[in-house]
Amino acid sequence: DKKQNAQQQRSRGGGGRGQKQQSKPQEPVEDARRVALRAATILSVLPHPEADSLLVCEVDCGDKGDDGGTQPRTVVAGLAGKIPAEDLVGQKVVTVTNLKPAKMRGIMSTAMLLAASDESDEKVELLKVPESVPNGELLQFEGKEPSQPDEMLKSKGALKAWERVKACLQSSKDGDAIYVSAEEAFRMTSSAGPIKTETLREAVIQ
């Protein structure tokens, strides 16, 4: 009976080695792996009706509707006057897709475009993703464990994690998009190779 009771206790997770295994704390996911950086294609761009500095983009981030068709996201971006709207359409870009949606001058923005900029913020370039990468692909940081993004970064702690990640993003002297942590650089990469800037080197990415 004692033996049977011990077996039942272990099967319920109580007592003995089973309990120790269950109570082992999970390692927290590091900041860089909590952010959903996904490949996407800009489908269309229109001026924001209420703000000269903003553009309203329809972006294919890989989301599918109930019918299996593409379900684009609306992204409001402060790129007016920085990059001609016609140059944006068709570009394969990097989006952040798990930030809390935010209303920008009356229009809800449901993702964010990542771009590099010079010190004066006059020259801005969206990050370039190899054309063969499918929309929705979760990008990774070379040398790190696979990303495990939060469903949505909406709590204060989660938003602080995103702010810390953003502060560590830049372009290298070779034009690679990198995450710099403890003086070590990790390249942002896709199934078809690294993510790059067009011309900006050692520039801020945000």
Protein backbone atom coordinates (compact mmCIF):
# COMPACT_ATOMS: atom_id res chain seq x y z
CA ASP A 1 0.00 0.00 0.00
CA LYS A 2 2.82 2.36 0.85
CA LYS A 3 4.38 1.70 -2.54
CA GLN A 4 1.06 2.30 -4.30
CA ASN A 5 0.50 5.56 -2.38
CA ALA A 6 3.98 6.80 -3.30
CA GLN A 7 3.32 6.05 -6.97
CA GLN A 8 -0.01 7.89 -6.85
CA GLN A 9 1.64 10.85 -5.13
CA ARG A 10 4.37 11.05 -7.79
CA SER A 11 1.81 10.82 -10.61
CA ARG A 12 0.03 13.84 -9.11
CA GLY A 13 3.30 15.74 -8.91
CA GLY A 14 3.53 15.47 -5.14
CA GLY A 15 6.51 14.25 -3.09
CA GLY A 16 9.84 12.81 -4.12
CA ARG A 17 11.81 13.76 -7.21
CA GLY A 18 8.69 14.54 -9.24
CA GLN A 19 7.89 17.53 -7.04
CA LYS A 20 11.38 18.99 -7.39
CA GLN A 21 11.21 18.73 -11.19
CA GLN A 22 7.84 20.49 -11.27
CA SER A 23 8.91 23.33 -9.01
CA LYS A 24 12.05 24.12 -11.03
CA PRO A 25 11.70 27.78 -12.07
CA GLN A 26 11.54 28.60 -15.78
CA GLU A 27 14.34 30.74 -17.15
CA PRO A 28 12.95 34.16 -18.15
CA VAL A 29 13.09 34.90 -21.89
CA GLU A 30 15.64 37.64 -22.58
CA ASP A 31 14.39 40.96 -23.96
CA ALA A 32 15.64 40.54 -27.54
CA ARG A 33 13.75 37.26 -27.94
CA ARG A 34 10.45 38.70 -26.65
CA VAL A 35 9.99 41.12 -29.56
CA ALA A 36 8.19 39.82 -32.68
CA LEU A 37 10.33 41.09 -35.57
CA ARG A 38 8.69 39.86 -38.76
CA ALA A 39 9.35 40.21 -42.48
CA ALA A 40 6.60 42.13 -44.29
CA THR A 41 5.81 43.85 -47.61
CA ILE A 42 4.37 47.37 -47.92
CA LEU A 43 1.31 47.11 -50.19
CA SER A 44 0.14 50.73 -50.35
CA VAL A 45 0.94 54.16 -48.91
CA LEU A 46 -1.32 57.19 -48.45
CA PRO A 47 -0.79 60.55 -46.73
CA HIS A 48 -2.36 60.84 -43.27
CA PRO A 49 -5.41 63.13 -43.58
CA GLU A 50 -4.66 64.86 -40.26
CA ALA A 51 -0.84 64.99 -40.08
CA ASP A 52 1.67 66.11 -42.71
CA SER A 53 4.53 64.12 -41.15
CA LEU A 54 2.69 60.78 -41.15
CA LEU A 55 2.00 58.16 -43.82
CA VAL A 56 -0.67 55.46 -43.62
CA CYS A 57 0.66 52.16 -44.94
CA GLU A 58 -1.12 48.88 -45.63
CA VAL A 59 1.42 46.15 -44.82
CA ASP A 60 1.33 42.39 -45.38
CA CYS A 61 2.85 40.97 -42.17
CA GLY A 62 1.82 37.40 -42.98
CA ASP A 63 -1.53 37.54 -41.16
CA LYS A 64 -4.39 35.52 -42.68
CA GLY A 65 -8.11 36.20 -42.51
CA ASP A 66 -10.84 33.62 -41.84
CA ASP A 67 -10.99 32.89 -45.58
CA GLY A 68 -7.23 32.20 -45.71
CA GLY A 69 -6.56 35.37 -47.66
CA THR A 70 -4.02 38.07 -46.77
CA GLN A 71 -5.12 40.36 -43.96
CA PRO A 72 -2.93 43.49 -44.16
CA ARG A 73 -2.17 45.61 -41.12
CA THR A 74 -2.48 49.39 -41.02
CA VAL A 75 0.80 51.00 -40.00
CA VAL A 76 1.05 54.74 -39.35
CA ALA A 77 4.67 55.81 -39.86
CA GLY A 78 6.45 59.15 -39.46
CA LEU A 79 8.12 58.88 -42.86
CA ALA A 80 6.46 61.70 -44.80
CA GLY A 81 9.16 63.92 -46.27
CA LYS A 82 11.81 61.33 -45.36
CA ILE A 83 11.16 58.66 -48.00
CA PRO A 84 8.98 59.22 -51.12
CA ALA A 85 5.73 57.24 -50.80
CA GLU A 86 6.22 55.64 -54.23
CA ASP A 87 9.60 54.25 -53.11
CA LEU A 88 7.97 52.48 -50.14
CA VAL A 89 5.41 50.42 -52.07
CA GLY A 90 6.64 46.87 -52.65
CA GLN A 91 9.53 47.11 -50.20
CA LYS A 92 10.28 44.03 -48.07
CA VAL A 93 10.77 45.42 -44.56
CA VAL A 94 11.08 44.58 -40.85
CA THR A 95 7.98 45.11 -38.70
CA VAL A 96 7.38 44.84 -34.96
CA THR A 97 4.04 43.01 -34.74
CA ASN A 98 3.44 42.45 -31.02
CA LEU A 99 3.28 46.04 -29.76
CA LYS A 100 -0.05 47.23 -28.39
CA PRO A 101 -2.04 48.95 -31.20
CA ALA A 102 -1.90 52.73 -30.89
CA LYS A 103 -4.12 55.44 -32.34
CA MET A 104 -2.04 58.03 -34.19
CA ARG A 105 -4.00 61.18 -34.98
CA GLY A 106 -7.23 59.22 -35.28
CA ILE A 107 -5.96 56.16 -37.17
CA MET A 108 -5.17 52.90 -35.37
CA SER A 109 -1.65 51.59 -36.09
CA THR A 110 -1.24 47.85 -35.49
CA ALA A 111 2.48 47.36 -36.18
CA MET A 112 5.70 49.37 -36.48
CA LEU A 113 8.27 49.67 -39.26
CA LEU A 114 11.96 49.53 -38.24
CA ALA A 115 14.21 52.11 -39.87
CA ALA A 116 17.78 53.38 -39.61
CA SER A 117 18.47 57.12 -39.39
CA ASP A 118 21.47 59.42 -39.31
CA GLU A 119 22.30 61.68 -36.35
CA SER A 120 20.23 64.57 -37.68
CA ASP A 121 17.27 62.27 -38.43
CA GLU A 122 17.19 63.81 -41.90
CA LYS A 123 18.18 60.64 -43.76
CA VAL A 124 16.01 57.61 -43.01
CA GLU A 125 16.13 54.11 -44.53
CA LEU A 126 13.87 51.17 -43.83
CA LEU A 127 15.70 47.93 -43.08
CA LYS A 128 16.06 45.68 -46.11
CA VAL A 129 14.95 42.04 -46.00
CA PRO A 130 15.94 39.57 -48.77
CA GLU A 131 13.10 39.35 -51.32
CA SER A 132 12.70 35.57 -50.99
CA VAL A 133 11.79 35.74 -47.28
CA PRO A 134 8.06 35.02 -46.81
CA ASN A 135 5.91 37.66 -45.14
CA GLY A 136 5.34 36.83 -41.49
CA GLU A 137 8.66 35.03 -41.02
CA LEU A 138 9.95 35.57 -37.48
CA LEU A 139 13.44 37.07 -37.73
CA GLN A 140 16.19 35.96 -35.37
CA PHE A 141 19.40 37.26 -33.81
CA GLU A 142 22.37 35.17 -34.93
CA GLY A 143 24.03 33.44 -31.96
CA LYS A 144 20.95 33.65 -29.73
CA GLU A 145 18.29 31.05 -28.94
CA PRO A 146 15.22 31.20 -31.23
CA SER A 147 12.85 34.09 -30.51
CA GLN A 148 9.88 33.45 -28.22
CA PRO A 149 7.86 36.64 -28.60
CA ASP A 150 5.19 37.69 -26.13
CA GLU A 151 1.70 37.57 -27.61
CA MET A 152 1.60 41.31 -27.00
CA LEU A 153 4.00 43.69 -25.26
CA LYS A 154 1.49 45.74 -23.30
CA SER A 155 2.41 45.67 -19.60
CA LYS A 156 4.79 48.31 -18.24
CA GLY A 157 7.50 45.68 -17.80
CA ALA A 158 7.05 44.37 -21.35
CA LEU A 159 7.17 47.87 -22.83
CA LYS A 160 10.37 48.57 -20.87
CA ALA A 161 11.82 45.38 -22.40
CA TRP A 162 11.02 46.75 -25.88
CA GLU A 163 12.60 50.11 -25.00
CA ARG A 164 15.77 48.30 -23.88
CA VAL A 165 15.89 46.30 -27.12
CA LYS A 166 15.32 49.40 -29.25
CA ALA A 167 18.20 51.19 -27.49
CA CYS A 168 20.54 48.33 -28.52
CA LEU A 169 19.65 48.24 -32.24
CA GLN A 170 21.99 49.81 -34.78
CA SER A 171 23.64 49.21 -38.14
CA SER A 172 27.22 47.96 -38.25
CA LYS A 173 30.08 49.39 -40.30
CA ASP A 174 29.17 46.71 -42.88
CA GLY A 175 25.51 47.74 -42.97
CA ASP A 176 24.14 44.77 -41.01
CA ALA A 177 21.26 45.36 -38.60
CA ILE A 178 22.65 44.32 -35.20
CA TYR A 179 21.64 44.04 -31.55
CA VAL A 180 24.51 45.09 -29.27
CA SER A 181 24.58 43.67 -25.74
CA ALA A 182 27.53 43.67 -23.33
CA GLU A 183 29.80 44.84 -26.19
CA GLU A 184 28.81 41.79 -28.26
CA ALA A 185 26.99 42.23 -31.59
CA PHE A 186 24.28 39.85 -32.83
CA ARG A 187 23.16 40.14 -36.45
CA MET A 188 19.46 40.23 -37.26
CA THR A 189 18.95 37.48 -39.79
CA SER A 190 16.35 35.67 -41.89
CA SER A 191 16.07 32.31 -43.65
CA ALA A 192 17.70 33.98 -46.68
CA GLY A 193 20.47 35.90 -44.95
CA PRO A 194 21.14 39.02 -42.86
CA ILE A 195 18.95 42.12 -42.60
CA LYS A 196 20.77 45.22 -43.87
CA THR A 197 20.58 48.97 -44.38
CA GLU A 198 20.93 50.42 -47.86
CA THR A 199 23.64 53.02 -47.21
CA LEU A 200 23.54 54.08 -43.53
CA ARG A 201 26.41 52.66 -41.47
CA GLU A 202 26.79 52.74 -37.67
CA ALA A 203 23.37 54.38 -37.50
CA VAL A 204 20.57 54.22 -34.96
CA ILE A 205 17.74 51.77 -35.70
CA GLN A 206 14.31 52.40 -34.21
